[in-house]
Protein backbone atom coordinates (compact mmCIF):
# COMPACT_ATOMS: atom_id res chain seq x y z
CA MET A 1 -2.51 13.50 -7.81
CA SER A 2 -2.31 14.50 -4.13
CA THR A 3 -3.30 12.08 -1.40
CA THR A 4 -5.74 14.63 0.05
CA THR A 5 -7.99 14.42 -2.96
CA LEU A 6 -8.03 10.63 -2.87
CA ALA A 7 -9.03 10.66 0.81
CA LYS A 8 -12.06 12.87 0.31
CA PRO A 9 -15.25 11.46 1.85
CA LYS A 10 -17.45 9.46 -0.49
CA LYS A 11 -20.56 11.50 0.33
CA GLU A 12 -18.84 14.74 -0.61
CA LEU A 13 -17.61 13.24 -3.91
CA LYS A 14 -21.10 11.94 -4.69
CA LYS A 15 -22.58 15.39 -4.00
CA ARG A 16 -20.04 17.14 -6.24
CA VAL A 17 -20.62 14.61 -9.09
CA LYS A 18 -24.37 15.19 -8.85
CA GLN A 19 -23.93 18.98 -8.95
CA ALA A 20 -21.73 18.71 -12.06
CA LEU A 21 -24.25 16.48 -13.85
CA VAL A 22 -27.18 18.73 -12.90
CA ALA A 23 -25.31 21.72 -14.38
CA ASP A 24 -24.90 19.73 -17.65
CA GLU A 25 -28.48 18.41 -17.70
CA GLY A 26 -29.18 19.99 -21.13
CA SER A 27 -26.68 17.66 -22.82
CA ALA A 28 -28.29 14.44 -24.03
CA LYS A 29 -24.97 12.59 -24.26
CA GLY A 30 -23.76 13.35 -20.70
CA LEU A 31 -20.21 14.05 -19.55
CA LYS A 32 -17.07 12.10 -20.26
CA ILE A 33 -15.71 10.36 -17.16
CA LYS A 34 -12.20 11.70 -17.81
CA ASP A 35 -13.43 15.29 -18.19
CA LEU A 36 -15.56 14.96 -15.04
CA ALA A 37 -12.61 13.62 -13.00
CA LYS A 38 -10.42 16.46 -14.26
CA SER A 39 -13.02 19.12 -13.37
CA LEU A 40 -13.53 17.65 -9.87
CA ASP A 41 -9.76 17.11 -9.35
CA VAL A 42 -10.15 13.45 -8.42
CA ASP A 43 -8.61 10.23 -9.62
CA VAL A 44 -10.43 8.46 -12.48
CA ASP A 45 -10.46 5.12 -10.66
CA ALA A 46 -11.87 6.74 -7.53
CA LEU A 47 -14.60 8.38 -9.63
CA LYS A 48 -15.49 5.08 -11.33
CA THR A 49 -15.74 3.40 -7.92
CA CYS A 50 -18.09 6.16 -6.71
CA LEU A 51 -20.28 5.82 -9.79
CA ALA A 52 -20.44 2.02 -9.44
CA GLU A 53 -21.48 2.29 -5.78
CA ASN A 54 -24.22 4.79 -6.66
CA SER A 55 -25.63 3.08 -9.79
CA ASN A 56 -29.15 4.01 -8.65
CA LYS A 57 -28.25 7.69 -9.10
CA PHE A 58 -25.88 7.68 -12.09
CA ASN A 59 -26.04 5.89 -15.43
CA VAL A 60 -22.61 4.97 -16.90
CA ASP A 61 -22.84 4.52 -20.70
CA GLY A 62 -19.40 3.47 -21.88
CA LYS A 63 -17.05 6.40 -21.31
CA ARG A 64 -19.86 8.82 -20.39
CA VAL A 65 -22.03 9.29 -17.32
CA LEU A 66 -25.60 10.62 -17.02
CA LEU A 67 -27.75 11.59 -14.03
CA LEU A 68 -30.77 9.30 -13.79
CA LYS A 69 -34.22 10.93 -13.77
CA GLN A 70 -36.48 10.40 -10.75
CA GLU A 71 -40.20 9.65 -10.82
CA GLU A 72 -42.59 12.29 -9.47
CA ASN A 73 -42.91 10.57 -6.07
CA GLY A 74 -39.12 10.17 -5.97
CA SER A 75 -39.39 6.45 -5.22
CA ALA A 76 -37.21 4.97 -7.97
CA PRO A 77 -34.84 6.32 -10.65
CA ILE A 78 -35.82 6.07 -14.33
CA PRO A 79 -32.88 5.80 -16.79
CA MET A 80 -33.09 8.02 -19.93
CA THR A 81 -33.73 5.86 -22.99
CA GLU A 82 -32.22 6.44 -26.45
CA VAL A 83 -35.56 7.78 -27.72
CA GLU A 84 -35.68 10.32 -24.91
CA LYS A 85 -32.11 11.34 -25.63
CA ARG A 86 -33.00 11.99 -29.30
CA LYS A 87 -36.10 13.94 -28.28
CA ALA A 88 -34.04 16.14 -25.97
CA LYS A 89 -31.53 16.74 -28.76
CA ASN A 90 -34.29 17.61 -31.27
CA ALA A 91 -35.95 19.93 -28.77
CA LYS A 92 -32.66 21.78 -28.38
CA LYS A 93 -32.35 22.14 -32.17
CA GLU A 94 -35.94 23.41 -32.47
CA GLU A 95 -35.28 26.00 -29.79
CA LYS A 96 -32.20 27.26 -31.63
CA LYS A 97 -34.17 27.40 -34.90
CA ARG A 98 -36.98 29.36 -33.24
CA LYS A 99 -34.47 31.84 -31.85
CA ARG A 100 -32.95 32.38 -35.33
CA GLU A 101 -36.41 32.95 -36.83
CA ASP A 102 -37.23 35.47 -34.10
CA GLU A 103 -33.99 37.32 -34.83
CA LYS A 104 -34.80 37.41 -38.56
CA ALA A 105 -38.32 38.68 -37.88
CA ALA A 106 -36.86 41.52 -35.84
CA VAL A 107 -34.84 42.75 -38.87
CA PRO A 108 -36.89 45.08 -41.18
CA VAL A 109 -37.61 43.47 -44.58
CA PRO A 110 -36.91 45.65 -47.67
CA ALA A 111 -39.90 46.73 -49.74
CA VAL A 112 -38.57 44.87 -52.80
CA VAL A 113 -38.70 41.56 -50.94
CA GLU A 114 -42.24 42.27 -49.76
CA GLU A 115 -43.33 42.99 -53.34
CA ALA A 116 -41.68 39.77 -54.54
CA LYS A 117 -43.60 37.81 -51.90
CA ALA A 118 -46.88 39.51 -52.78
CA GLU A 119 -46.50 38.87 -56.55
CA PRO A 120 -47.41 35.11 -56.47
CA LYS A 121 -50.52 35.95 -54.42
CA ALA A 122 -51.60 38.49 -57.03
CA LYS A 123 -51.11 35.90 -59.79
CA VAL A 124 -53.27 33.41 -57.87
CA GLU A 125 -56.02 36.00 -57.51
CA GLU A 126 -55.87 36.75 -61.24
CA ALA A 127 -56.11 33.04 -62.06
CA LYS A 128 -59.14 32.67 -59.77
CA ALA A 129 -60.81 35.67 -61.43
CA GLU A 130 -60.22 34.12 -64.87
CA LEU A 131 -61.78 30.83 -63.73
CA THR A 132 -64.89 32.54 -62.40
CA LYS A 133 -65.52 34.34 -65.72
CA PRO A 134 -68.32 32.93 -67.91
CA PHE A 135 -67.12 30.67 -70.68
CA GLU A 136 -66.92 32.36 -74.06
CA LYS A 137 -66.51 30.17 -77.08
CA SER A 138 -63.71 31.53 -79.22
CA GLU A 139 -63.34 30.93 -82.92
CA PRO A 140 -60.68 28.37 -83.84
CA LYS A 141 -57.55 29.87 -85.30
CA LYS A 142 -57.20 29.39 -88.99
CA ARG A 143 -54.18 27.29 -89.78
CA LYS A 144 -51.82 28.82 -92.30
CA THR A 145 -51.14 26.98 -95.51
CA TRP A 146 -47.65 25.93 -96.55
CA ASP A 147 -47.45 28.79 -99.10
CA GLU A 148 -48.51 31.36 -96.45
CA ARG A 149 -45.87 30.09 -94.01
CA LYS A 150 -43.23 30.21 -96.73
CA GLU A 151 -44.16 33.80 -97.66
CA ALA A 152 -44.05 34.86 -94.00
CA LYS A 153 -40.64 33.29 -93.59
CA GLU A 154 -39.28 35.04 -96.68
CA ALA A 155 -40.77 38.38 -95.60
CA ALA A 156 -39.29 38.16 -92.08
CA PRO A 157 -36.12 40.21 -91.57
CA LYS A 158 -33.07 38.01 -91.85
CA ARG A 159 -30.19 38.23 -89.44
CA ALA A 160 -27.08 39.69 -91.01
CA LEU A 161 -24.18 37.26 -91.28
CA VAL A 162 -21.19 38.84 -89.56
CA ALA A 163 -17.74 37.27 -89.73
CA TRP A 164 -16.29 35.98 -86.47
CA THR A 165 -13.51 38.13 -85.02
CA PRO A 166 -10.31 36.67 -83.47
CA GLU A 167 -11.46 37.94 -80.07
CA GLU A 168 -14.78 36.08 -80.38
CA ASP A 169 -12.97 32.90 -81.43
CA ASN A 170 -10.62 33.17 -78.44
CA ASN A 171 -13.53 33.69 -76.02
CA LEU A 172 -15.46 30.79 -77.58
CA VAL A 173 -12.53 28.40 -77.06
CA LYS A 174 -12.15 29.50 -73.40
CA LEU A 175 -15.89 29.13 -72.72
CA HIS A 176 -15.95 25.66 -74.29
CA LYS A 177 -13.18 24.57 -71.92
CA LEU A 178 -15.32 25.76 -69.00
CA PHE A 179 -18.81 24.55 -70.03
CA GLY A 180 -18.19 21.79 -72.59
CA ASN A 181 -21.00 21.38 -75.14
CA GLN A 182 -23.52 23.53 -73.21
CA TRP A 183 -23.99 25.87 -76.19
CA THR A 184 -26.91 27.85 -74.73
CA THR A 185 -24.83 28.76 -71.67
CA ILE A 186 -21.83 29.60 -73.87
CA ALA A 187 -23.96 31.90 -76.08
CA LYS A 188 -25.20 33.79 -72.98
CA HIS A 189 -21.68 34.33 -71.66
CA LEU A 190 -20.39 35.38 -75.09
CA ARG A 191 -22.61 38.49 -74.82
CA GLY A 192 -23.11 39.22 -78.48
CA THR A 193 -25.46 38.57 -81.37
CA ARG A 194 -24.47 34.89 -81.60
CA ASN A 195 -27.02 32.24 -80.69
CA PHE A 196 -26.29 28.71 -79.49
CA ASN A 197 -26.37 27.28 -83.02
CA ASP A 198 -23.83 29.85 -84.28
CA CYS A 199 -21.46 28.95 -81.43
CA ARG A 200 -21.80 25.22 -82.05
CA LYS A 201 -21.24 25.45 -85.80
CA ARG A 202 -18.28 27.81 -85.43
CA TYR A 203 -16.51 25.60 -82.89
CA GLU A 204 -17.14 22.32 -84.69
CA SER A 205 -16.20 23.62 -88.14
CA ALA A 206 -13.21 25.87 -87.36
CA LEU A 207 -12.00 25.76 -83.74
CA ASP A 208 -12.29 22.15 -82.58
CA PRO A 209 -8.70 20.80 -82.41
CA THR A 210 -9.90 17.20 -82.73
CA ARG A 211 -11.57 17.78 -86.13
CA SER A 212 -9.85 16.60 -89.30
CA LYS A 213 -9.22 19.34 -91.85
CA GLY A 214 -7.75 19.47 -95.30
CA ASP A 215 -7.76 16.78 -97.98
CA TRP A 216 -9.72 13.58 -97.60
CA SER A 217 -7.80 10.31 -97.47
CA GLU A 218 -8.67 7.20 -99.47
CA GLU A 219 -9.69 5.45 -96.24
CA GLU A 220 -12.14 8.27 -95.39
CA ASP A 221 -13.67 8.21 -98.90
CA ALA A 222 -14.11 4.43 -98.79
CA SER A 223 -15.70 4.63 -95.31
CA LEU A 224 -18.03 7.45 -96.44
CA LYS A 225 -19.21 5.45 -99.47
CA ALA A 226 -19.95 2.39 -97.31
CA LEU A 227 -21.83 4.44 -94.69
CA VAL A 228 -23.96 6.23 -97.32
CA ALA A 229 -24.85 2.84 -98.82
CA GLU A 230 -25.87 1.67 -95.33
CA HIS A 231 -27.70 4.74 -93.94
CA GLY A 232 -28.69 6.67 -97.07
CA ASN A 233 -27.74 10.23 -98.02
CA ASP A 234 -29.83 12.04 -95.39
CA LYS A 235 -28.43 10.88 -92.01
CA TRP A 236 -25.20 12.84 -92.04
CA ALA A 237 -24.90 13.20 -88.25
CA VAL A 238 -24.93 9.39 -87.86
CA ILE A 239 -22.47 9.00 -90.74
CA ALA A 240 -20.07 11.58 -89.26
CA LYS A 241 -19.98 9.69 -85.92
CA GLU A 242 -19.23 6.33 -87.56
CA LEU A 243 -16.74 7.62 -90.16
CA ALA A 244 -13.39 5.79 -90.02
CA GLY A 245 -9.99 7.39 -90.65
CA GLY A 246 -10.82 10.88 -89.44
CA ASN A 247 -13.04 13.12 -87.32
CA ARG A 248 -15.26 15.06 -89.76
CA THR A 249 -18.42 17.10 -89.23
CA SER A 250 -21.75 16.17 -90.77
CA LYS A 251 -21.45 19.17 -93.09
CA GLN A 252 -18.03 18.02 -94.33
CA CYS A 253 -19.41 14.53 -95.05
CA ARG A 254 -22.43 15.91 -96.90
CA ILE A 255 -20.39 18.29 -99.07
CA ARG A 256 -17.78 15.63 -99.85
CA TRP A 257 -20.49 13.20 -100.97
CA MET A 258 -22.52 15.70 -103.00
CA ASN A 259 -19.58 17.38 -104.75
CA VAL A 260 -17.11 14.51 -105.25
CA LEU A 261 -18.28 10.98 -104.43
CA ASP A 262 -21.93 10.86 -105.51
CA PRO A 263 -21.96 8.73 -108.70
CA ASN A 264 -25.19 10.38 -109.89
CA VAL A 265 -23.64 13.87 -110.00
CA ALA A 266 -21.80 14.89 -113.17
CA LYS A 267 -18.12 15.62 -112.66
CA GLY A 268 -16.78 19.13 -113.03
CA ASP A 269 -15.22 18.49 -116.43
CA THR A 270 -18.47 17.10 -117.92
CA PRO A 271 -19.52 19.58 -120.65
CA TRP A 272 -22.86 21.40 -120.38
CA SER A 273 -25.43 20.81 -123.12
CA MET A 274 -27.63 23.50 -124.69
CA PRO A 275 -30.85 22.16 -123.08
CA GLU A 276 -29.10 22.31 -119.70
CA ASP A 277 -28.09 25.94 -120.24
CA ALA A 278 -31.63 26.83 -121.36
CA SER A 279 -33.14 25.15 -118.27
CA LEU A 280 -30.66 26.95 -115.99
CA LYS A 281 -31.47 30.34 -117.56
CA GLU A 282 -35.19 29.78 -117.12
CA LEU A 283 -34.86 28.84 -113.44
CA VAL A 284 -32.56 31.76 -112.60
CA GLU A 285 -34.91 34.26 -114.28
CA LYS A 286 -37.80 32.79 -112.30
CA LYS A 287 -35.98 33.10 -108.95
CA GLY A 288 -34.34 36.46 -109.61
CA ASP A 289 -30.56 36.71 -109.93
CA ALA A 290 -30.09 39.19 -107.05
CA ALA A 291 -31.89 37.06 -104.40
CA ILE A 292 -30.20 33.74 -105.13
CA THR A 293 -28.28 32.17 -102.22
CA LEU A 294 -26.42 28.88 -101.94
CA SER A 295 -29.55 27.09 -100.72
CA VAL A 296 -31.50 28.46 -103.70
CA TRP A 297 -28.75 27.26 -106.06
CA ALA A 298 -29.11 23.78 -104.53
CA GLY A 299 -32.87 23.92 -105.27
CA ILE A 300 -32.17 25.05 -108.85
CA ALA A 301 -29.76 22.14 -109.30
CA LYS A 302 -32.54 19.72 -108.33
CA GLU A 303 -35.12 21.29 -110.67
CA LYS A 304 -32.77 21.67 -113.64
CA LYS A 305 -33.23 19.33 -116.56
CA GLY A 306 -30.40 17.25 -118.00
CA GLU A 307 -27.32 16.04 -116.12
CA SER A 308 -27.42 15.99 -112.31
CA ARG A 309 -25.38 18.98 -111.09
CA THR A 310 -24.60 20.49 -107.70
CA GLY A 311 -25.61 23.98 -106.61
CA LYS A 312 -21.99 25.17 -106.87
CA GLN A 313 -21.69 23.86 -110.42
CA CYS A 314 -24.86 25.72 -111.42
CA LYS A 315 -23.65 28.92 -109.75
CA ARG A 316 -20.27 28.69 -111.46
CA ARG A 317 -21.83 28.02 -114.88
CA TRP A 318 -24.18 31.00 -114.51
CA SER A 319 -21.66 33.52 -113.19
CA LYS A 320 -18.88 32.67 -115.68
CA PHE A 321 -20.75 31.90 -118.90
CA LEU A 322 -24.51 32.67 -118.85
CA ASP A 323 -24.95 35.81 -116.72
CA PRO A 324 -25.61 38.75 -119.10
CA ASN A 325 -24.22 41.21 -116.51
CA ARG A 326 -20.90 39.40 -116.07
CA PRO A 327 -17.74 41.42 -116.85
CA LYS A 328 -16.68 40.60 -120.41
CA THR A 329 -13.00 40.25 -121.26
CA GLU A 330 -11.77 41.34 -124.65
CA ILE A 331 -9.48 38.92 -126.47
CA THR A 332 -6.95 40.47 -128.84
CA LEU A 333 -5.64 38.21 -131.59
CA VAL A 334 -2.01 38.73 -132.45
CA PRO A 335 -0.88 37.56 -135.94
CA ILE A 336 1.75 34.85 -135.94
CA GLY A 337 5.25 36.11 -136.56
CA THR A 338 4.69 39.57 -135.04
CA LYS A 339 6.25 40.79 -131.86
């Protein structure tokens, strides 16, 4: 620093400091002392001395300096409080916000946006018009009986079951890595005829790498028996979560219990009696052979008289032995001793 700058008169330095602070009056924080000394080309110590001598004009707040406000009569300086500093800062922000809004208002708004804004108003007007209408007592809706609901459900068009393609499986695995168990979101991104339940069942039964597949172990069977004794044979989701020895789905647990472990169900090698066959024929003729699905076979198994059988056992017995339209195989007897 040159000696000429240090020897500058104090009045001139005070005047230049005041001019610099007046130019930065919009800033609520003030100027840094170092930056002010650099801009005025003076020594920092000399600047601090000048500020200390003129404390009635300048307010030094740590490393920053502010110009004190004067009263209207100019008699005494009033230092800017923290509240006033915040107000000045907020006023500056509000001014910037107002300028941005004015700029936006100057830009022409597309007609689509105007229509979108007008739509809620139209809905409000419609609602008001509905409220002002005279009250008309409407007849209560007649509640459908259980038989009517069942008939409507059977008459409704059923969605065709389409096998999953390798491409769909690959996309389902990728989407599950992205979204986890958000099946509704996954079904939307899959862009097909699959709903959220289809996606969940497909992943849990065939694509989940953590699921146990194949034969059941003795530990799994023992755990399944204990859990069924504890929770009953209708809470399969709870049983699947608590199953020890493997990670099985609720469907796997239910099928394993109904087809293998249930002591009340006759084993596969238990012979069928004539009354059982007669009861099975009667139920199948009542339902209609062509319209029978796996769920219907399960219902037939419950209604059938005699030994307790599963739906698969009933289906197998009908298709192999009792169905009159089954393909018949001719057996040729060859006498002993002939070639």
